[in-house]
Amino acid sequence: MAAKEQIHIIWQNQEIGTLLHPVPDMWYLEGSWVSNNSVVADSFESAARALNERAAFNNLKEGIEVLLQDHKGSQTLAIVISLTDPHTLFLRRINSSLHDVSAKSTGNIFSLILRKITALLT
């Protein structure tokens, strides 16, 4: 991703703002949150600031599900892990086949892959 890129953030089927200067690290992404100042964006910001960062990192179901949309219109599912001062948004991009797997459950990932391979072979 280019350093000057901005990614649109969609929550509850509405665009709520952008992520400026996103910095990727494996599946994670961090950048500056810029709200569009809508009522829905204000609700998102309140919910994101109230997240328990450690709990959301360890179990993605504790985070907030959003869609990220790039300038081409491509969308990627992501889970917000934290929104900290001043406006740093930290999230994890999700591969749809692993959507229900927590961030630290690598053993479960291998089990999931093995089950899928077994299902394909039978």
Protein backbone atom coordinates (compact mmCIF):
# COMPACT_ATOMS: atom_id res chain seq x y z
CA MET A 1 0.00 0.00 0.00
CA ALA A 2 1.21 3.44 -0.81
CA ALA A 3 2.02 5.65 2.16
CA LYS A 4 -0.42 8.37 1.00
CA GLU A 5 -3.28 5.97 0.38
CA GLN A 6 -6.58 6.40 2.11
CA ILE A 7 -9.03 3.60 2.75
CA HIS A 8 -12.75 4.17 3.22
CA ILE A 9 -14.28 2.51 6.27
CA ILE A 10 -17.81 1.11 6.12
CA TRP A 11 -19.73 0.14 9.25
CA GLN A 12 -23.38 -0.86 9.47
CA ASN A 13 -23.63 -0.45 5.68
CA GLN A 14 -22.57 3.21 5.82
CA GLU A 15 -19.30 4.91 5.06
CA ILE A 16 -18.14 6.44 8.34
CA GLY A 17 -14.70 7.82 7.54
CA THR A 18 -11.26 7.02 6.23
CA LEU A 19 -8.01 5.47 7.33
CA LEU A 20 -5.15 7.73 6.24
CA HIS A 21 -1.56 6.62 5.72
CA PRO A 22 -2.26 2.94 6.45
CA VAL A 23 0.75 0.92 7.55
CA PRO A 24 0.38 -2.82 6.93
CA ASP A 25 2.03 -5.50 9.07
CA MET A 26 1.04 -9.00 7.97
CA TRP A 27 -2.75 -9.11 8.51
CA TYR A 28 -2.77 -6.00 10.67
CA LEU A 29 -3.23 -2.42 9.55
CA GLU A 30 -2.73 0.82 11.45
CA GLY A 31 -3.37 4.38 10.40
CA SER A 32 -4.96 7.72 11.21
CA TRP A 33 -8.74 7.61 11.65
CA VAL A 34 -10.64 10.52 10.09
CA SER A 35 -14.36 10.56 10.85
CA ASN A 36 -16.90 11.90 8.36
CA ASN A 37 -18.70 13.37 11.41
CA SER A 38 -21.96 11.53 10.79
CA VAL A 39 -24.10 10.21 13.64
CA VAL A 40 -23.12 6.64 12.70
CA ALA A 41 -19.43 7.60 12.65
CA ASP A 42 -19.76 9.12 16.13
CA SER A 43 -21.36 5.88 17.37
CA PHE A 44 -18.56 3.85 15.79
CA GLU A 45 -15.90 6.04 17.36
CA SER A 46 -17.46 5.69 20.82
CA ALA A 47 -17.68 1.91 20.45
CA ALA A 48 -14.12 1.63 19.10
CA ARG A 49 -12.65 3.73 21.91
CA ALA A 50 -14.46 1.53 24.46
CA LEU A 51 -12.96 -1.72 23.12
CA ASN A 52 -10.77 -3.83 25.37
CA GLU A 53 -7.73 -3.93 23.07
CA ARG A 54 -6.21 -7.06 24.59
CA ALA A 55 -9.51 -8.96 24.47
CA ALA A 56 -10.14 -7.92 20.85
CA PHE A 57 -6.60 -8.89 19.84
CA ASN A 58 -6.92 -12.33 21.45
CA ASN A 59 -10.48 -12.97 20.25
CA LEU A 60 -11.57 -11.12 17.12
CA LYS A 61 -15.23 -11.57 18.06
CA GLU A 62 -14.58 -8.92 20.75
CA GLY A 63 -13.70 -6.34 18.07
CA ILE A 64 -15.86 -4.37 15.64
CA GLU A 65 -16.43 -5.72 12.14
CA VAL A 66 -15.96 -3.19 9.31
CA LEU A 67 -15.38 -3.19 5.58
CA LEU A 68 -12.36 -1.48 4.09
CA GLN A 69 -12.78 -0.08 0.59
CA ASP A 70 -9.84 1.03 -1.52
CA HIS A 71 -9.85 3.58 -4.35
CA LYS A 72 -10.72 0.83 -6.85
CA GLY A 73 -13.84 -0.15 -4.91
CA SER A 74 -12.41 -3.46 -3.68
CA GLN A 75 -13.64 -4.37 -0.22
CA THR A 76 -11.91 -6.31 2.54
CA LEU A 77 -13.43 -7.46 5.81
CA ALA A 78 -11.58 -6.25 8.92
CA ILE A 79 -11.93 -6.25 12.69
CA VAL A 80 -11.21 -3.08 14.64
CA ILE A 81 -9.02 -3.89 17.63
CA SER A 82 -8.52 -0.39 19.00
CA LEU A 83 -8.91 3.32 18.45
CA THR A 84 -6.46 5.25 20.60
CA ASP A 85 -5.58 8.91 21.05
CA PRO A 86 -5.21 10.97 19.16
CA HIS A 87 -6.77 9.04 16.24
CA THR A 88 -4.84 5.82 15.67
CA LEU A 89 -6.99 2.98 14.36
CA PHE A 90 -5.60 -0.55 14.64
CA LEU A 91 -7.34 -3.43 12.90
CA ARG A 92 -6.89 -6.89 11.46
CA ARG A 93 -7.80 -7.72 7.90
CA ILE A 94 -9.73 -10.98 7.62
CA ASN A 95 -9.46 -13.77 5.11
CA SER A 96 -13.12 -14.78 4.75
CA SER A 97 -12.36 -18.50 5.14
CA LEU A 98 -10.85 -17.81 8.56
CA HIS A 99 -13.50 -15.33 9.71
CA ASP A 100 -14.48 -17.31 12.82
CA VAL A 101 -10.94 -18.00 14.00
CA SER A 102 -9.39 -15.94 16.81
CA ALA A 103 -6.14 -14.08 16.22
CA LYS A 104 -3.97 -16.38 18.33
CA SER A 105 -5.45 -19.77 17.51
CA THR A 106 -2.92 -21.08 15.00
CA GLY A 107 -3.66 -24.65 16.07
CA ASN A 108 -7.28 -24.06 15.14
CA ILE A 109 -6.22 -22.65 11.78
CA PHE A 110 -4.34 -25.84 10.95
CA SER A 111 -7.30 -27.92 12.11
CA LEU A 112 -9.61 -25.85 9.92
CA ILE A 113 -7.34 -26.28 6.90
CA LEU A 114 -7.05 -30.02 7.52
CA ARG A 115 -10.85 -30.36 7.77
CA LYS A 116 -11.30 -28.45 4.50
CA ILE A 117 -8.73 -30.60 2.70
CA THR A 118 -10.31 -33.77 4.08
CA ALA A 119 -13.75 -32.60 2.93
CA LEU A 120 -12.40 -31.93 -0.55
CA LEU A 121 -10.86 -35.39 -0.78
CA THR A 122 -13.96 -37.28 0.35
